[in-house]
Amino acid sequence: MARKFALGWRQVGACLILMAACGMIATTYSVIAVPLAEEFQPSRMVLMLAMTVMALVTALVSPPLGSLMDRLSMRLMTGLGVGFIVAGYFALSFTTSFLQAIIIFGLLMGPAQVLLGPMAGTVLLSRWFVERRGRALGIAIAGVALGGFIFPPVIQGLLGQFDWRVALRLLSLILLVCTVPAVFLIVNRPSDRGLHPDGAATAPVSAGNHADTPPASSRAILSDPAFWIAGILFAVVPSGMMGMVTSLMPLATDEGVDPTAAALLISVYAASGFIAKLSFAAVADRLHPRALLFLSLVGFALGMACLILAEAGIWMIGCGVVLIGLFGGLMIPTQSFLIPRIFGERVIGRASGLIQVLVLAILLLTPPTFGLIFDLTGNYDAIFIVFTALAAGSLLLVPYLRLHPRVAPPAMTMAAQEPVAAE
């Protein structure tokens, strides 16, 4: 059976490849933005508008696409995502105005981020793994950081050798060659191959997956206090990370750091995030979920506190960046790990989509808020203090986060319910 369950780990490998493609969309935009800016001459604000529109569309399509993931084949859904991202870069090479580029990032790249990203991986891998779910999700989600590490130099190399339009067409071909085999590796459920999750001899008993219990509706999820507690916990860290990384270069150079060294800080941050995902894979199935949340929030708060002291120089900034990358980077796989436990395995896509709307709504506000604080005060100290306090305050919510579905299955006895309710 263990040998047969190599098929389960192939799902992890497929998700890692697809998430690398997803992760490169945002991280490589600054590379692609250079020829777009030279060609169309938009203002800096308009140039960044493509990312804002993409994030907005991602938030809007997450709930409906998440619900479809719960019902349709994941091979079909991820194949659709590959079609979106390949078509997006190919279409981008034919644009004649920057407005067209904005539309492409919204209509094609936005859905691709959902269909190839952590939400899709969570839906698929939660079907294949229960006892080893944390390890599987951690390895797969490391693909997001891996894509951000590999693709920028690849794209820069293409741009250095070819006209930018040709370079983008070649990029779309590279993505097609890399991702299509991964899609064909995907098997929707282990039962489709006569297997059980984790390669077990029998189906595991899971509080979140009962055929005789109807899946929660969107209204029921939104009325669940755990949804809002989880949404706050999952939003604070990523929004602070987004604001920090988009402000990192000006923050460092304002403190006298050489631009080359300041750019290196971004690479350090990306590497720290990659290490965080692999570390999650190693410890997630051994630590209590609340311990994972606690580690992420405390480490993130310490990192933000270091950045309050950025005037001390690059080493203090570097300490903050590493702490935020390592510990804040735990939050994304932790979110994927906990959603099946909180809402049940039959509504992972729906619950993930709804939470994603809340998280992205806050993420959209964070970069301009960092800029506004700097415009008002001349530095970023106040916003780093705010996020340090938010992370510390969020620790108070961790004990109140329910770690099982809201309604216990009727078949469970009171004796069986008590240990679950005590979590």
Protein backbone atom coordinates (compact mmCIF):
# COMPACT_ATOMS: atom_id res chain seq x y z
CA MET A 1 0.00 0.00 0.00
CA ALA A 2 2.87 2.39 0.79
CA ARG A 3 4.24 1.85 -2.70
CA LYS A 4 0.81 2.45 -4.21
CA PHE A 5 0.51 5.68 -2.24
CA ALA A 6 3.38 7.12 -4.20
CA LEU A 7 0.44 8.41 -6.23
CA GLY A 8 -0.48 10.61 -3.26
CA TRP A 9 2.98 12.19 -3.17
CA ARG A 10 2.73 12.78 -6.90
CA GLN A 11 -0.22 15.03 -6.09
CA VAL A 12 2.09 16.99 -3.80
CA GLY A 13 4.68 17.32 -6.56
CA ALA A 14 2.05 18.41 -9.05
CA CYS A 15 0.75 21.05 -6.64
CA LEU A 16 4.29 22.31 -5.97
CA ILE A 17 4.85 22.88 -9.71
CA LEU A 18 1.49 24.58 -10.19
CA MET A 19 1.99 26.79 -7.14
CA ALA A 20 5.41 27.82 -8.47
CA ALA A 21 3.64 29.04 -11.61
CA CYS A 22 1.07 30.84 -9.45
CA GLY A 23 3.70 32.38 -7.17
CA MET A 24 5.67 33.87 -10.04
CA ILE A 25 2.80 36.06 -11.27
CA ALA A 26 3.14 38.74 -8.59
CA THR A 27 6.84 38.30 -7.78
CA THR A 28 7.92 38.76 -11.40
CA TYR A 29 5.68 41.72 -12.14
CA SER A 30 8.40 44.22 -11.25
CA VAL A 31 10.60 42.57 -13.92
CA ILE A 32 7.88 42.60 -16.58
CA ALA A 33 6.81 46.11 -15.59
CA VAL A 34 10.11 47.57 -16.86
CA PRO A 35 9.49 46.94 -20.60
CA LEU A 36 5.79 47.71 -20.16
CA ALA A 37 6.69 51.09 -18.65
CA GLU A 38 9.15 51.83 -21.45
CA GLU A 39 6.60 50.87 -24.11
CA PHE A 40 3.46 52.58 -22.78
CA GLN A 41 4.85 55.29 -20.41
CA PRO A 42 2.21 54.95 -17.64
CA SER A 43 2.66 56.76 -14.34
CA ARG A 44 4.03 54.72 -11.43
CA MET A 45 0.59 54.62 -9.85
CA VAL A 46 -1.03 53.34 -13.05
CA LEU A 47 1.82 50.84 -13.52
CA MET A 48 1.03 49.31 -10.12
CA LEU A 49 -2.70 49.36 -10.87
CA ALA A 50 -2.34 46.03 -12.70
CA MET A 51 -1.51 44.31 -9.39
CA THR A 52 -4.38 46.04 -7.61
CA VAL A 53 -6.88 44.98 -10.27
CA MET A 54 -5.52 41.43 -10.23
CA ALA A 55 -5.86 41.22 -6.45
CA LEU A 56 -9.40 42.61 -6.61
CA VAL A 57 -10.47 40.07 -9.24
CA THR A 58 -8.78 37.29 -7.25
CA ALA A 59 -10.88 38.22 -4.24
CA LEU A 60 -14.11 38.37 -6.26
CA VAL A 61 -13.68 35.02 -8.01
CA SER A 62 -12.32 33.08 -5.02
CA PRO A 63 -15.72 32.12 -3.50
CA PRO A 64 -17.37 30.86 -6.72
CA LEU A 65 -14.23 29.07 -7.90
CA GLY A 66 -13.76 27.59 -4.45
CA SER A 67 -17.29 26.20 -4.51
CA LEU A 68 -16.63 24.68 -7.94
CA MET A 69 -13.47 23.02 -6.60
CA ASP A 70 -15.60 21.24 -3.99
CA ARG A 71 -17.79 19.77 -6.75
CA LEU A 72 -15.76 19.44 -9.97
CA SER A 73 -12.62 17.58 -10.97
CA MET A 74 -9.44 19.26 -9.73
CA ARG A 75 -7.67 18.17 -12.92
CA LEU A 76 -10.27 20.17 -14.85
CA MET A 77 -9.95 23.19 -12.53
CA THR A 78 -6.15 23.29 -12.55
CA GLY A 79 -6.13 22.71 -16.30
CA LEU A 80 -8.32 25.77 -16.63
CA GLY A 81 -5.84 27.68 -14.46
CA VAL A 82 -2.97 26.68 -16.74
CA GLY A 83 -4.99 27.89 -19.72
CA PHE A 84 -5.53 31.26 -18.01
CA ILE A 85 -1.87 31.88 -17.11
CA VAL A 86 -0.47 30.74 -20.47
CA ALA A 87 -3.07 32.76 -22.38
CA GLY A 88 -2.38 35.74 -20.10
CA TYR A 89 1.32 36.06 -20.89
CA PHE A 90 0.76 35.24 -24.55
CA ALA A 91 -1.97 37.91 -24.82
CA LEU A 92 0.21 40.40 -22.93
CA SER A 93 2.78 40.17 -25.73
CA PHE A 94 0.22 41.60 -28.18
CA THR A 95 -0.98 44.56 -26.10
CA THR A 96 -1.06 47.98 -27.71
CA SER A 97 -1.95 49.98 -24.59
CA PHE A 98 -1.38 49.63 -20.86
CA LEU A 99 -5.13 49.48 -20.29
CA GLN A 100 -5.11 46.18 -22.16
CA ALA A 101 -2.36 44.93 -19.84
CA ILE A 102 -4.46 45.84 -16.81
CA ILE A 103 -7.45 43.97 -18.25
CA ILE A 104 -5.31 40.89 -18.93
CA PHE A 105 -3.95 40.82 -15.39
CA GLY A 106 -7.48 41.14 -14.06
CA LEU A 107 -9.38 38.71 -16.31
CA LEU A 108 -6.69 36.05 -16.82
CA MET A 109 -4.04 36.27 -14.10
CA GLY A 110 -6.54 36.83 -11.28
CA PRO A 111 -8.43 33.55 -11.83
CA ALA A 112 -5.13 31.74 -12.50
CA GLN A 113 -3.92 32.66 -9.02
CA VAL A 114 -6.97 30.96 -7.51
CA LEU A 115 -6.99 27.88 -9.75
CA LEU A 116 -3.25 27.16 -9.36
CA GLY A 117 -2.60 28.55 -5.88
CA PRO A 118 -2.81 27.42 -2.25
CA MET A 119 -6.62 27.18 -2.32
CA ALA A 120 -6.56 24.58 -5.09
CA GLY A 121 -3.73 22.71 -3.39
CA THR A 122 -5.60 22.69 -0.10
CA VAL A 123 -8.73 21.23 -1.68
CA LEU A 124 -6.84 18.47 -3.49
CA LEU A 125 -4.31 17.50 -0.82
CA SER A 126 -6.87 17.51 2.00
CA ARG A 127 -8.56 14.64 0.15
CA TRP A 128 -5.31 12.68 -0.14
CA PHE A 129 -3.82 13.31 3.31
CA VAL A 130 -5.15 13.40 6.88
CA GLU A 131 -2.41 12.28 9.26
CA ARG A 132 0.34 13.70 7.03
CA ARG A 133 -1.63 16.67 5.74
CA GLY A 134 0.69 19.26 7.26
CA ARG A 135 3.76 17.75 5.63
CA ALA A 136 2.02 17.50 2.25
CA LEU A 137 0.69 21.06 2.33
CA GLY A 138 4.01 22.50 3.53
CA ILE A 139 5.96 20.91 0.69
CA ALA A 140 3.38 21.94 -1.93
CA ILE A 141 3.04 25.54 -0.74
CA ALA A 142 6.84 25.89 -0.79
CA GLY A 143 6.27 26.04 -4.53
CA VAL A 144 4.95 29.60 -4.17
CA ALA A 145 8.31 30.77 -2.81
CA LEU A 146 10.19 28.55 -5.27
CA GLY A 147 8.44 30.20 -8.21
CA GLY A 148 9.34 33.62 -6.85
CA PHE A 149 12.98 32.52 -6.63
CA ILE A 150 13.37 30.76 -10.00
CA PHE A 151 11.31 32.77 -12.47
CA PRO A 152 12.63 36.36 -12.00
CA PRO A 153 16.11 35.53 -13.38
CA VAL A 154 14.55 33.35 -16.10
CA ILE A 155 12.35 36.22 -17.28
CA GLN A 156 15.20 38.73 -16.97
CA GLY A 157 17.35 36.42 -19.08
CA LEU A 158 14.65 36.21 -21.75
CA LEU A 159 14.25 39.99 -21.75
CA GLY A 160 18.01 40.38 -22.10
CA GLN A 161 18.11 38.14 -25.17
CA PHE A 162 14.85 38.98 -26.96
CA ASP A 163 12.39 41.77 -27.59
CA TRP A 164 9.95 41.89 -24.68
CA ARG A 165 7.04 40.65 -26.79
CA VAL A 166 9.02 37.63 -27.97
CA ALA A 167 10.25 37.06 -24.40
CA LEU A 168 6.68 36.89 -23.06
CA ARG A 169 5.67 34.41 -25.78
CA LEU A 170 8.62 32.23 -24.85
CA LEU A 171 7.63 32.55 -21.17
CA SER A 172 4.12 31.34 -21.98
CA LEU A 173 5.65 28.35 -23.78
CA ILE A 174 7.90 27.55 -20.80
CA LEU A 175 4.89 27.69 -18.48
CA LEU A 176 2.91 25.43 -20.79
CA VAL A 177 5.69 22.82 -20.91
CA CYS A 178 6.18 22.92 -17.11
CA THR A 179 2.56 22.88 -15.99
CA VAL A 180 0.67 20.61 -18.39
CA PRO A 181 2.45 17.43 -17.18
CA ALA A 182 1.64 18.44 -13.59
CA VAL A 183 -2.06 18.75 -14.47
CA PHE A 184 -2.07 15.23 -15.93
CA LEU A 185 -0.60 13.89 -12.68
CA ILE A 186 -3.64 15.08 -10.71
CA VAL A 187 -6.14 12.48 -9.53
CA ASN A 188 -9.24 14.00 -7.98
CA ARG A 189 -9.62 11.65 -4.99
CA PRO A 190 -7.74 8.61 -3.68
CA SER A 191 -10.95 6.58 -4.03
CA ASP A 192 -10.67 7.07 -7.80
CA ARG A 193 -7.68 4.71 -7.65
CA GLY A 194 -9.02 2.41 -4.94
CA LEU A 195 -6.96 4.10 -2.22
CA HIS A 196 -7.60 5.81 1.11
CA PRO A 197 -6.01 9.03 2.45
CA ASP A 198 -2.40 8.59 3.64
CA GLY A 199 -2.35 5.17 1.97
CA ALA A 200 -4.22 3.68 4.94
CA ALA A 201 -5.86 0.27 4.69
CA THR A 202 -9.23 1.75 5.67
CA ALA A 203 -10.85 5.17 5.38
CA PRO A 204 -9.85 7.40 8.32
CA VAL A 205 -12.45 8.70 10.76
CA SER A 206 -12.59 12.44 10.14
CA ALA A 207 -14.82 14.90 11.93
CA GLY A 208 -14.80 17.10 8.87
CA ASN A 209 -15.98 14.64 6.24
CA HIS A 210 -19.30 12.86 6.78
CA ALA A 211 -21.43 11.83 3.85
CA ASP A 212 -24.61 12.02 5.89
CA THR A 213 -23.98 15.63 6.95
CA PRO A 214 -24.90 18.33 4.40
CA PRO A 215 -22.03 20.72 3.63
CA ALA A 216 -22.29 24.14 5.22
CA SER A 217 -23.73 26.90 3.06
CA SER A 218 -21.94 30.20 2.49
CA ARG A 219 -24.44 31.85 4.84
CA ALA A 220 -23.66 29.30 7.57
CA ILE A 221 -19.92 29.84 7.14
CA LEU A 222 -20.27 33.62 7.31
CA SER A 223 -22.42 33.37 10.46
CA ASP A 224 -19.82 31.18 12.16
CA PRO A 225 -17.74 33.12 14.74
CA ALA A 226 -14.78 30.89 13.87
CA PHE A 227 -14.83 32.33 10.34
CA TRP A 228 -14.21 35.85 11.62
CA ILE A 229 -11.63 34.79 14.21
CA ALA A 230 -9.77 32.78 11.58
CA GLY A 231 -10.10 35.62 9.07
CA ILE A 232 -8.46 38.09 11.47
CA LEU A 233 -5.65 35.68 12.35
CA PHE A 234 -5.02 34.83 8.70
CA ALA A 235 -5.16 38.48 7.53
CA VAL A 236 -2.90 40.30 10.01
CA VAL A 237 0.35 38.56 9.11
CA PRO A 238 0.06 38.46 5.27
CA SER A 239 -1.09 42.08 5.12
CA GLY A 240 1.86 43.21 7.22
CA MET A 241 4.20 41.14 5.08
CA MET A 242 2.78 42.67 1.90
CA GLY A 243 3.20 46.20 3.23
CA MET A 244 6.70 45.46 4.46
CA VAL A 245 8.04 43.90 1.26
CA THR A 246 6.55 46.61 -0.99
CA SER A 247 8.21 49.27 1.20
CA LEU A 248 11.47 47.42 1.88
CA MET A 249 13.65 49.05 -0.79
CA PRO A 250 12.72 52.66 0.07
CA LEU A 251 12.90 51.86 3.80
CA ALA A 252 16.43 50.50 3.49
CA THR A 253 17.74 53.20 1.15
CA ASP A 254 16.24 55.92 3.38
CA GLU A 255 18.39 54.51 6.19
CA GLY A 256 21.53 54.76 4.03
CA VAL A 257 21.67 51.17 2.81
CA ASP A 258 23.28 50.69 -0.60
CA PRO A 259 20.63 49.89 -3.27
CA THR A 260 22.38 46.63 -4.17
CA ALA A 261 22.35 45.51 -0.55
CA ALA A 262 18.75 46.66 -0.22
CA ALA A 263 17.78 44.50 -3.19
CA LEU A 264 19.55 41.58 -1.53
CA LEU A 265 17.19 41.96 1.43
CA ILE A 266 14.29 41.01 -0.88
CA SER A 267 16.12 37.81 -1.84
CA VAL A 268 16.75 37.09 1.84
CA TYR A 269 13.05 37.55 2.51
CA ALA A 270 12.10 35.16 -0.31
CA ALA A 271 14.61 32.56 0.90
CA SER A 272 13.29 32.86 4.46
CA GLY A 273 9.76 32.27 3.17
CA PHE A 274 10.89 29.13 1.34
CA ILE A 275 12.58 27.80 4.48
CA ALA A 276 9.40 28.57 6.44
CA LYS A 277 7.28 26.40 4.13
CA LEU A 278 9.70 23.47 4.37
CA SER A 279 9.91 23.90 8.14
CA PHE A 280 6.13 23.79 8.30
CA ALA A 281 6.20 20.50 6.39
CA ALA A 282 8.61 19.10 8.99
CA VAL A 283 6.74 20.16 12.15
CA ALA A 284 3.07 20.69 11.27
CA ASP A 285 2.00 17.10 11.99
CA ARG A 286 3.87 17.12 15.32
CA LEU A 287 2.85 20.48 16.80
CA HIS A 288 -0.60 21.51 17.99
CA PRO A 289 -2.26 23.91 15.51
CA ARG A 290 -2.47 26.61 18.15
CA ALA A 291 1.30 26.34 18.64
CA LEU A 292 1.77 27.00 14.90
CA LEU A 293 -0.41 30.10 15.12
CA PHE A 294 1.43 31.25 18.23
CA LEU A 295 4.85 30.83 16.60
CA SER A 296 3.78 32.68 13.47
CA LEU A 297 2.29 35.64 15.35
CA VAL A 298 5.11 35.99 17.89
CA GLY A 299 7.89 35.73 15.31
CA PHE A 300 6.11 38.17 13.00
CA ALA A 301 5.62 40.65 15.88
CA LEU A 302 9.33 40.45 16.78
CA GLY A 303 10.25 41.06 13.14
CA MET A 304 8.05 44.13 12.93
CA ALA A 305 9.55 45.36 16.23
CA CYS A 306 13.03 45.10 14.68
CA LEU A 307 11.93 47.29 11.77
CA ILE A 308 10.83 49.99 14.21
CA LEU A 309 14.57 50.26 14.95
CA ALA A 310 15.56 50.37 11.27
CA GLU A 311 17.76 53.41 11.87
CA ALA A 312 20.22 51.02 13.57
CA GLY A 313 21.23 49.88 10.09
CA ILE A 314 21.05 47.01 7.67
CA TRP A 315 21.65 44.33 10.29
CA MET A 316 18.58 45.34 12.27
CA ILE A 317 16.53 45.56 9.07
CA GLY A 318 17.90 42.16 8.04
CA CYS A 319 16.90 40.63 11.39
CA GLY A 320 13.39 41.96 10.92
CA VAL A 321 13.16 40.67 7.36
CA VAL A 322 14.38 37.19 8.34
CA LEU A 323 12.00 36.93 11.31
CA ILE A 324 9.04 38.08 9.21
CA GLY A 325 9.97 35.75 6.37
CA LEU A 326 10.51 32.72 8.63
CA PHE A 327 7.69 33.05 11.13
CA GLY A 328 5.24 35.14 9.14
CA GLY A 329 5.81 32.72 6.28
CA LEU A 330 4.30 29.95 8.40
CA MET A 331 0.86 31.56 8.24
CA ILE A 332 -0.03 30.66 4.64
CA PRO A 333 0.46 26.88 5.07
CA THR A 334 -1.10 27.10 8.53
CA GLN A 335 -4.21 28.64 6.95
CA SER A 336 -4.41 25.80 4.44
CA PHE A 337 -3.85 23.28 7.23
CA LEU A 338 -6.57 24.64 9.51
CA ILE A 339 -9.44 25.40 7.12
CA PRO A 340 -10.36 21.70 6.66
CA ARG A 341 -10.35 21.24 10.44
CA ILE A 342 -12.46 24.30 11.17
CA PHE A 343 -15.07 24.01 8.42
CA GLY A 344 -14.95 20.39 7.29
CA GLU A 345 -13.44 18.72 4.28
CA ARG A 346 -16.56 18.97 2.12
CA VAL A 347 -16.50 22.80 1.98
CA ILE A 348 -12.76 23.52 1.86
CA GLY A 349 -13.05 25.42 -1.42
CA ARG A 350 -16.07 27.44 -0.35
CA ALA A 351 -14.63 28.35 3.07
CA SER A 352 -11.21 29.13 1.59
CA GLY A 353 -12.76 31.40 -1.02
CA LEU A 354 -14.75 33.36 1.53
CA ILE A 355 -11.75 33.79 3.83
CA GLN A 356 -9.67 34.83 0.83
CA VAL A 357 -12.06 37.71 0.17
CA LEU A 358 -11.55 38.98 3.71
CA VAL A 359 -7.77 38.56 3.60
CA LEU A 360 -7.36 40.18 0.16
CA ALA A 361 -9.63 43.09 1.12
CA ILE A 362 -7.16 43.93 3.89
CA LEU A 363 -4.14 43.22 1.69
CA LEU A 364 -5.36 45.74 -0.87
CA LEU A 365 -5.34 48.46 1.76
CA THR A 366 -1.93 47.73 3.25
CA PRO A 367 0.60 49.06 0.67
CA PRO A 368 -1.12 52.45 0.26
CA THR A 369 -1.47 52.67 4.06
CA PHE A 370 2.29 52.20 4.45
CA GLY A 371 2.81 54.97 1.88
CA LEU A 372 0.31 57.28 3.59
CA ILE A 373 1.98 56.83 6.98
CA PHE A 374 5.34 57.71 5.43
CA ASP A 375 3.87 60.79 3.74
CA LEU A 376 2.40 61.97 7.05
CA THR A 377 5.31 61.17 9.39
CA GLY A 378 8.42 60.90 7.21
CA ASN A 379 9.09 57.28 8.25
CA TYR A 380 7.40 53.88 8.65
CA ASP A 381 7.76 53.57 12.44
CA ALA A 382 4.09 54.13 13.21
CA ILE A 383 2.81 51.42 10.86
CA PHE A 384 5.39 48.92 12.16
CA ILE A 385 4.22 49.70 15.70
CA VAL A 386 0.61 49.13 14.60
CA PHE A 387 1.37 45.72 13.11
CA THR A 388 3.46 44.71 16.12
CA ALA A 389 0.46 45.54 18.32
CA LEU A 390 -2.00 43.80 15.97
CA ALA A 391 0.03 40.59 16.00
CA ALA A 392 0.39 40.70 19.78
CA GLY A 393 -3.33 41.39 20.19
CA SER A 394 -4.22 38.56 17.81
CA LEU A 395 -2.55 36.12 20.21
CA LEU A 396 -5.54 36.66 22.49
CA LEU A 397 -7.83 35.20 19.82
CA VAL A 398 -5.88 31.97 19.32
CA PRO A 399 -7.43 30.09 22.30
CA TYR A 400 -10.92 30.93 21.02
CA LEU A 401 -10.43 29.52 17.51
CA ARG A 402 -12.50 26.36 17.19
CA LEU A 403 -10.57 23.50 15.60
CA HIS A 404 -13.42 21.28 14.43
CA PRO A 405 -16.53 21.79 12.28
CA ARG A 406 -19.31 23.80 13.86
CA VAL A 407 -21.97 21.07 13.92
CA ALA A 408 -20.95 17.68 15.25
CA PRO A 409 -22.27 14.76 13.16
CA PRO A 410 -25.44 13.21 14.61
CA ALA A 411 -23.90 9.73 14.63
CA MET A 412 -21.29 10.75 17.15
CA THR A 413 -21.95 9.87 20.74
CA MET A 414 -21.59 12.35 23.56
CA ALA A 415 -18.51 10.47 24.72
CA ALA A 416 -16.93 10.86 21.28
CA GLN A 417 -17.83 14.56 21.08
CA GLU A 418 -16.26 15.61 24.39
CA PRO A 419 -12.59 15.34 23.41
CA VAL A 420 -13.22 17.24 20.15
CA ALA A 421 -15.12 20.01 21.87
CA ALA A 422 -12.30 20.38 24.34
CA GLU A 423 -9.83 21.45 21.66
